[in-house]
PDB file of all heavy atoms in Angstrom:
ATOM      1  N   ARG A   1      85.194 112.345  70.016  1.00  0.00           N
ATOM      2  CA  ARG A   1      85.587 113.245  71.097  1.00  0.00           C
ATOM      3  C   ARG A   1      84.931 112.864  72.387  1.00  0.00           C
ATOM      4  O   ARG A   1      85.407 113.288  73.485  1.00  0.00           O
ATOM      5  CB  ARG A   1      85.338 114.622  70.691  1.00  0.00           C
ATOM      6  CG  ARG A   1      85.835 115.059  69.288  1.00  0.00           C
ATOM      7  CD  ARG A   1      87.333 114.870  69.126  1.00  0.00           C
ATOM      8  NE  ARG A   1      87.761 115.267  67.819  1.00  0.00           N
ATOM      9  CZ  ARG A   1      88.891 115.029  67.337  1.00  0.00           C
ATOM     10  NH1 ARG A   1      89.788 114.300  68.017  1.00  0.00           N
ATOM     11  NH2 ARG A   1      89.244 115.322  66.101  1.00  0.00           N
ATOM     12  N   ARG A   2      83.854 112.141  72.371  1.00  0.00           N
ATOM     13  CA  ARG A   2      83.149 111.630  73.556  1.00  0.00           C
ATOM     14  C   ARG A   2      82.757 110.249  73.510  1.00  0.00           C
ATOM     15  O   ARG A   2      82.339 109.737  72.420  1.00  0.00           O
ATOM     16  CB  ARG A   2      81.869 112.561  73.622  1.00  0.00           C
ATOM     17  CG  ARG A   2      80.882 112.143  74.751  1.00  0.00           C
ATOM     18  CD  ARG A   2      79.526 112.838  74.506  1.00  0.00           C
ATOM     19  NE  ARG A   2      78.409 112.186  75.200  1.00  0.00           N
ATOM     20  CZ  ARG A   2      78.062 112.335  76.485  1.00  0.00           C
ATOM     21  NH1 ARG A   2      78.616 113.319  77.088  1.00  0.00           N
ATOM     22  NH2 ARG A   2      77.061 111.731  77.027  1.00  0.00           N
ATOM     23  N   LEU A   3      82.837 109.589  74.657  1.00  0.00           N
ATOM     24  CA  LEU A   3      82.388 108.241  74.683  1.00  0.00           C
ATOM     25  C   LEU A   3      81.180 108.213  75.534  1.00  0.00           C
ATOM     26  O   LEU A   3      81.168 108.748  76.828  1.00  0.00           O
ATOM     27  CB  LEU A   3      83.483 107.321  75.315  1.00  0.00           C
ATOM     28  CG  LEU A   3      84.630 107.097  74.344  1.00  0.00           C
ATOM     29  CD1 LEU A   3      85.765 106.306  75.198  1.00  0.00           C
ATOM     30  CD2 LEU A   3      84.284 106.285  73.234  1.00  0.00           C
ATOM     31  N   ASP A   4      79.989 107.618  75.161  1.00  0.00           N
ATOM     32  CA  ASP A   4      78.761 107.535  75.885  1.00  0.00           C
ATOM     33  C   ASP A   4      79.042 106.558  76.919  1.00  0.00           C
ATOM     34  O   ASP A   4      78.342 106.519  77.957  1.00  0.00           O
ATOM     35  CB  ASP A   4      77.666 107.361  75.042  1.00  0.00           C
ATOM     36  CG  ASP A   4      77.319 108.505  74.100  1.00  0.00           C
ATOM     37  OD1 ASP A   4      76.909 109.606  74.511  1.00  0.00           O
ATOM     38  OD2 ASP A   4      77.734 108.451  72.971  1.00  0.00           O
ATOM     39  N   ARG A   5      79.837 105.578  76.609  1.00  0.00           N
ATOM     40  CA  ARG A   5      80.041 104.431  77.578  1.00  0.00           C
ATOM     41  C   ARG A   5      81.441 103.852  77.315  1.00  0.00           C
ATOM     42  O   ARG A   5      81.860 103.623  76.161  1.00  0.00           O
ATOM     43  CB  ARG A   5      78.979 103.426  77.517  1.00  0.00           C
ATOM     44  CG  ARG A   5      79.010 102.450  78.786  1.00  0.00           C
ATOM     45  CD  ARG A   5      77.599 101.828  78.890  1.00  0.00           C
ATOM     46  NE  ARG A   5      77.384 101.167  80.181  1.00  0.00           N
ATOM     47  CZ  ARG A   5      76.196 100.777  80.683  1.00  0.00           C
ATOM     48  NH1 ARG A   5      75.152 101.011  79.934  1.00  0.00           N
ATOM     49  NH2 ARG A   5      76.057 100.140  81.750  1.00  0.00           N
ATOM     50  N   LEU A   6      82.105 103.630  78.356  1.00  0.00           N
ATOM     51  CA  LEU A   6      83.440 102.896  78.290  1.00  0.00           C
ATOM     52  C   LEU A   6      83.338 101.733  79.104  1.00  0.00           C
ATOM     53  O   LEU A   6      83.063 101.756  80.278  1.00  0.00           O
ATOM     54  CB  LEU A   6      84.591 103.777  78.834  1.00  0.00           C
ATOM     55  CG  LEU A   6      86.043 102.961  78.968  1.00  0.00           C
ATOM     56  CD1 LEU A   6      86.595 102.626  77.568  1.00  0.00           C
ATOM     57  CD2 LEU A   6      86.996 103.998  79.557  1.00  0.00           C
ATOM     58  N   ILE A   7      83.513 100.481  78.455  1.00  0.00           N
ATOM     59  CA  ILE A   7      83.446  99.168  79.158  1.00  0.00           C
ATOM     60  C   ILE A   7      84.761  98.637  79.322  1.00  0.00           C
ATOM     61  O   ILE A   7      85.510  98.600  78.305  1.00  0.00           O
ATOM     62  CB  ILE A   7      82.542  98.213  78.477  1.00  0.00           C
ATOM     63  CG1 ILE A   7      81.091  98.761  78.388  1.00  0.00           C
ATOM     64  CG2 ILE A   7      82.535  96.845  79.116  1.00  0.00           C
ATOM     65  CD1 ILE A   7      80.131  97.799  77.681  1.00  0.00           C
ATOM     66  N   LEU A   8      85.281  98.341  80.488  1.00  0.00           N
ATOM     67  CA  LEU A   8      86.633  97.781  80.749  1.00  0.00           C
ATOM     68  C   LEU A   8      86.266  96.305  81.151  1.00  0.00           C
ATOM     69  O   LEU A   8      85.889  96.249  82.340  1.00  0.00           O
ATOM     70  CB  LEU A   8      87.414  98.631  81.812  1.00  0.00           C
ATOM     71  CG  LEU A   8      87.613 100.038  81.330  1.00  0.00           C
ATOM     72  CD1 LEU A   8      88.067 100.864  82.436  1.00  0.00           C
ATOM     73  CD2 LEU A   8      88.666 100.102  80.162  1.00  0.00           C
ATOM     74  N   SER A   9      86.542  95.412  80.385  1.00  0.00           N
ATOM     75  CA  SER A   9      86.089  94.077  80.629  1.00  0.00           C
ATOM     76  C   SER A   9      86.673  93.540  82.025  1.00  0.00           C
ATOM     77  O   SER A   9      85.992  92.967  82.683  1.00  0.00           O
ATOM     78  CB  SER A   9      86.420  93.049  79.437  1.00  0.00           C
ATOM     79  OG  SER A   9      87.950  93.085  79.304  1.00  0.00           O
ATOM     80  N   HIS A  10      87.959  93.676  82.223  1.00  0.00           N
ATOM     81  CA  HIS A  10      88.506  93.266  83.399  1.00  0.00           C
ATOM     82  C   HIS A  10      89.989  93.948  83.628  1.00  0.00           C
ATOM     83  O   HIS A  10      90.385  94.673  82.690  1.00  0.00           O
ATOM     84  CB  HIS A  10      88.680  91.631  83.441  1.00  0.00           C
ATOM     85  CG  HIS A  10      89.593  91.116  82.450  1.00  0.00           C
ATOM     86  ND1 HIS A  10      89.381  91.367  81.076  1.00  0.00           N
ATOM     87  CD2 HIS A  10      90.802  90.570  82.611  1.00  0.00           C
ATOM     88  CE1 HIS A  10      90.440  90.679  80.446  1.00  0.00           C
ATOM     89  NE2 HIS A  10      91.370  90.229  81.340  1.00  0.00           N
ATOM     90  N   HIS A  11      90.541  93.712  84.833  1.00  0.00           N
ATOM     91  CA  HIS A  11      91.771  94.384  85.147  1.00  0.00           C
ATOM     92  C   HIS A  11      93.071  93.569  84.685  1.00  0.00           C
ATOM     93  O   HIS A  11      93.707  93.114  85.418  1.00  0.00           O
ATOM     94  CB  HIS A  11      91.794  94.633  86.654  1.00  0.00           C
ATOM     95  CG  HIS A  11      92.949  95.621  87.097  1.00  0.00           C
ATOM     96  ND1 HIS A  11      93.282  96.737  86.464  1.00  0.00           N
ATOM     97  CD2 HIS A  11      93.887  95.434  88.069  1.00  0.00           C
ATOM     98  CE1 HIS A  11      94.343  97.293  86.971  1.00  0.00           C
ATOM     99  NE2 HIS A  11      94.574  96.586  88.039  1.00  0.00           N
ATOM    100  N   ASP A  12      93.202  93.749  83.406  1.00  0.00           N
ATOM    101  CA  ASP A  12      94.506  93.124  82.735  1.00  0.00           C
ATOM    102  C   ASP A  12      94.993  94.268  81.903  1.00  0.00           C
ATOM    103  O   ASP A  12      94.329  94.974  81.055  1.00  0.00           O
ATOM    104  CB  ASP A  12      94.279  91.877  81.963  1.00  0.00           C
ATOM    105  CG  ASP A  12      94.274  90.693  82.846  1.00  0.00           C
ATOM    106  OD1 ASP A  12      94.825  90.724  84.010  1.00  0.00           O
ATOM    107  OD2 ASP A  12      94.025  89.585  82.219  1.00  0.00           O
ATOM    108  N   ASN A  13      96.414  94.437  81.859  1.00  0.00           N
ATOM    109  CA  ASN A  13      96.953  95.459  81.157  1.00  0.00           C
ATOM    110  C   ASN A  13      96.642  95.459  79.709  1.00  0.00           C
ATOM    111  O   ASN A  13      96.633  96.530  79.051  1.00  0.00           O
ATOM    112  CB  ASN A  13      98.570  95.371  81.280  1.00  0.00           C
ATOM    113  CG  ASN A  13      99.301  96.549  80.644  1.00  0.00           C
ATOM    114  OD1 ASN A  13      99.118  97.564  80.889  1.00  0.00           O
ATOM    115  ND2 ASN A  13     100.179  96.138  79.701  1.00  0.00           N
ATOM    116  N   ASP A  14      96.437  94.418  78.992  1.00  0.00           N
ATOM    117  CA  ASP A  14      96.167  94.364  77.636  1.00  0.00           C
ATOM    118  C   ASP A  14      94.761  94.715  77.328  1.00  0.00           C
ATOM    119  O   ASP A  14      94.383  94.759  76.162  1.00  0.00           O
ATOM    120  CB  ASP A  14      96.564  92.991  77.045  1.00  0.00           C
ATOM    121  CG  ASP A  14      96.065  91.766  77.748  1.00  0.00           C
ATOM    122  OD1 ASP A  14      95.543  91.987  78.886  1.00  0.00           O
ATOM    123  OD2 ASP A  14      95.859  90.772  77.226  1.00  0.00           O
ATOM    124  N   HIS A  15      93.978  94.911  78.390  1.00  0.00           N
ATOM    125  CA  HIS A  15      92.600  95.258  78.090  1.00  0.00           C
ATOM    126  C   HIS A  15      92.216  96.694  78.752  1.00  0.00           C
ATOM    127  O   HIS A  15      91.317  97.356  78.243  1.00  0.00           O
ATOM    128  CB  HIS A  15      91.559  94.241  78.808  1.00  0.00           C
ATOM    129  CG  HIS A  15      91.617  92.863  78.022  1.00  0.00           C
ATOM    130  ND1 HIS A  15      90.594  92.564  77.182  1.00  0.00           N
ATOM    131  CD2 HIS A  15      92.450  91.891  78.038  1.00  0.00           C
ATOM    132  CE1 HIS A  15      90.948  91.319  76.750  1.00  0.00           C
ATOM    133  NE2 HIS A  15      92.102  90.892  77.246  1.00  0.00           N
ATOM    134  N   ASP A  16      92.968  97.098  79.804  1.00  0.00           N
ATOM    135  CA  ASP A  16      92.753  98.422  80.401  1.00  0.00           C
ATOM    136  C   ASP A  16      93.981  99.272  80.485  1.00  0.00           C
ATOM    137  O   ASP A  16      93.862 100.397  81.066  1.00  0.00           O
ATOM    138  CB  ASP A  16      92.005  98.203  81.760  1.00  0.00           C
ATOM    139  CG  ASP A  16      92.931  97.627  82.788  1.00  0.00           C
ATOM    140  OD1 ASP A  16      94.135  97.253  82.487  1.00  0.00           O
ATOM    141  OD2 ASP A  16      92.571  97.539  84.058  1.00  0.00           O
ATOM    142  N   GLY A  17      95.065  98.845  80.006  1.00  0.00           N
ATOM    143  CA  GLY A  17      96.222  99.533  80.166  1.00  0.00           C
ATOM    144  C   GLY A  17      96.148 100.995  79.429  1.00  0.00           C
ATOM    145  O   GLY A  17      96.873 101.911  79.955  1.00  0.00           O
ATOM    146  N   GLY A  18      95.355 101.102  78.432  1.00  0.00           N
ATOM    147  CA  GLY A  18      95.302 102.329  77.802  1.00  0.00           C
ATOM    148  C   GLY A  18      94.189 103.311  78.330  1.00  0.00           C
ATOM    149  O   GLY A  18      93.761 104.261  77.746  1.00  0.00           O
ATOM    150  N   PHE A  19      93.610 103.058  79.564  1.00  0.00           N
ATOM    151  CA  PHE A  19      92.557 103.706  80.145  1.00  0.00           C
ATOM    152  C   PHE A  19      92.929 105.221  80.315  1.00  0.00           C
ATOM    153  O   PHE A  19      92.140 106.050  79.931  1.00  0.00           O
ATOM    154  CB  PHE A  19      92.202 103.095  81.505  1.00  0.00           C
ATOM    155  CG  PHE A  19      91.211 103.973  82.333  1.00  0.00           C
ATOM    156  CD1 PHE A  19      89.920 104.040  81.968  1.00  0.00           C
ATOM    157  CD2 PHE A  19      91.680 104.703  83.442  1.00  0.00           C
ATOM    158  CE1 PHE A  19      89.046 104.651  82.768  1.00  0.00           C
ATOM    159  CE2 PHE A  19      90.808 105.457  84.192  1.00  0.00           C
ATOM    160  CZ  PHE A  19      89.521 105.429  83.809  1.00  0.00           C
ATOM    161  N   GLN A  20      94.031 105.484  80.863  1.00  0.00           N
ATOM    162  CA  GLN A  20      94.502 107.016  80.951  1.00  0.00           C
ATOM    163  C   GLN A  20      94.489 107.679  79.590  1.00  0.00           C
ATOM    164  O   GLN A  20      94.113 108.819  79.402  1.00  0.00           O
ATOM    165  CB  GLN A  20      95.742 107.049  81.787  1.00  0.00           C
ATOM    166  CG  GLN A  20      96.009 108.324  82.361  1.00  0.00           C
ATOM    167  CD  GLN A  20      94.976 108.826  83.405  1.00  0.00           C
ATOM    168  OE1 GLN A  20      94.635 108.021  84.322  1.00  0.00           O
ATOM    169  NE2 GLN A  20      94.377 110.066  83.280  1.00  0.00           N
ATOM    170  N   ALA A  21      95.281 106.986  78.640  1.00  0.00           N
ATOM    171  CA  ALA A  21      95.419 107.739  77.422  1.00  0.00           C
ATOM    172  C   ALA A  21      94.083 107.884  76.657  1.00  0.00           C
ATOM    173  O   ALA A  21      93.937 108.907  76.007  1.00  0.00           O
ATOM    174  CB  ALA A  21      96.389 106.738  76.544  1.00  0.00           C
ATOM    175  N   VAL A  22      93.176 106.948  76.805  1.00  0.00           N
ATOM    176  CA  VAL A  22      91.831 107.123  76.121  1.00  0.00           C
ATOM    177  C   VAL A  22      90.930 108.273  76.740  1.00  0.00           C
ATOM    178  O   VAL A  22      90.402 109.019  76.091  1.00  0.00           O
ATOM    179  CB  VAL A  22      91.116 105.778  76.195  1.00  0.00           C
ATOM    180  CG1 VAL A  22      89.591 106.060  75.747  1.00  0.00           C
ATOM    181  CG2 VAL A  22      91.820 104.865  75.185  1.00  0.00           C
ATOM    182  N   THR A  23      91.190 108.213  78.087  1.00  0.00           N
ATOM    183  CA  THR A  23      90.197 109.197  78.767  1.00  0.00           C
ATOM    184  C   THR A  23      90.837 110.743  78.956  1.00  0.00           C
ATOM    185  O   THR A  23      90.114 111.653  79.262  1.00  0.00           O
ATOM    186  CB  THR A  23      89.919 108.726  80.263  1.00  0.00           C
ATOM    187  OG1 THR A  23      91.125 108.451  80.897  1.00  0.00           O
ATOM    188  CG2 THR A  23      89.075 107.465  80.156  1.00  0.00           C
ATOM    189  N   ASP A  24      92.027 110.858  78.750  1.00  0.00           N
ATOM    190  CA  ASP A  24      92.655 112.115  78.804  1.00  0.00           C
ATOM    191  C   ASP A  24      92.185 113.019  77.655  1.00  0.00           C
ATOM    192  O   ASP A  24      92.269 112.629  76.519  1.00  0.00           O
ATOM    193  CB  ASP A  24      94.239 112.058  78.774  1.00  0.00           C
ATOM    194  CG  ASP A  24      94.955 111.701  80.057  1.00  0.00           C
ATOM    195  OD1 ASP A  24      94.208 111.679  81.026  1.00  0.00           O
ATOM    196  OD2 ASP A  24      96.165 111.392  79.984  1.00  0.00           O
ATOM    197  N   GLY A  25      91.524 114.250  77.956  1.00  0.00           N
ATOM    198  CA  GLY A  25      91.075 115.124  77.133  1.00  0.00           C
ATOM    199  C   GLY A  25      89.746 114.646  76.370  1.00  0.00           C
ATOM    200  O   GLY A  25      89.394 115.224  75.326  1.00  0.00           O
ATOM    201  N   ARG A  26      89.169 113.538  76.823  1.00  0.00           N
ATOM    202  CA  ARG A  26      87.847 112.945  76.211  1.00  0.00           C
ATOM    203  C   ARG A  26      86.905 112.869  77.286  1.00  0.00           C
ATOM    204  O   ARG A  26      87.037 112.283  78.287  1.00  0.00           O
ATOM    205  CB  ARG A  26      88.272 111.669  75.527  1.00  0.00           C
ATOM    206  CG  ARG A  26      87.310 111.183  74.420  1.00  0.00           C
ATOM    207  CD  ARG A  26      87.538 109.779  73.924  1.00  0.00           C
ATOM    208  NE  ARG A  26      89.053 109.763  73.616  1.00  0.00           N
ATOM    209  CZ  ARG A  26      89.580 110.099  72.476  1.00  0.00           C
ATOM    210  NH1 ARG A  26      88.808 110.643  71.528  1.00  0.00           N
ATOM    211  NH2 ARG A  26      90.868 109.960  72.302  1.00  0.00           N
ATOM    212  N   THR A  27      85.617 113.204  76.938  1.00  0.00           N
ATOM    213  CA  THR A  27      84.562 113.119  77.870  1.00  0.00           C
ATOM    214  C   THR A  27      84.112 111.801  77.861  1.00  0.00           C
ATOM    215  O   THR A  27      83.877 111.087  76.778  1.00  0.00           O
ATOM    216  CB  THR A  27      83.471 114.089  77.459  1.00  0.00           C
ATOM    217  OG1 THR A  27      83.945 115.308  77.390  1.00  0.00           O
ATOM    218  CG2 THR A  27      82.158 113.867  78.462  1.00  0.00           C
TER     219      THR A  27
END
């Protein structure tokens, strides 16, 4: 329910496209 750290390797859709879905409702 909580991520102590989220690492986004770089700005490509197949690596960070789910950023919003993962962070919605999750600390």
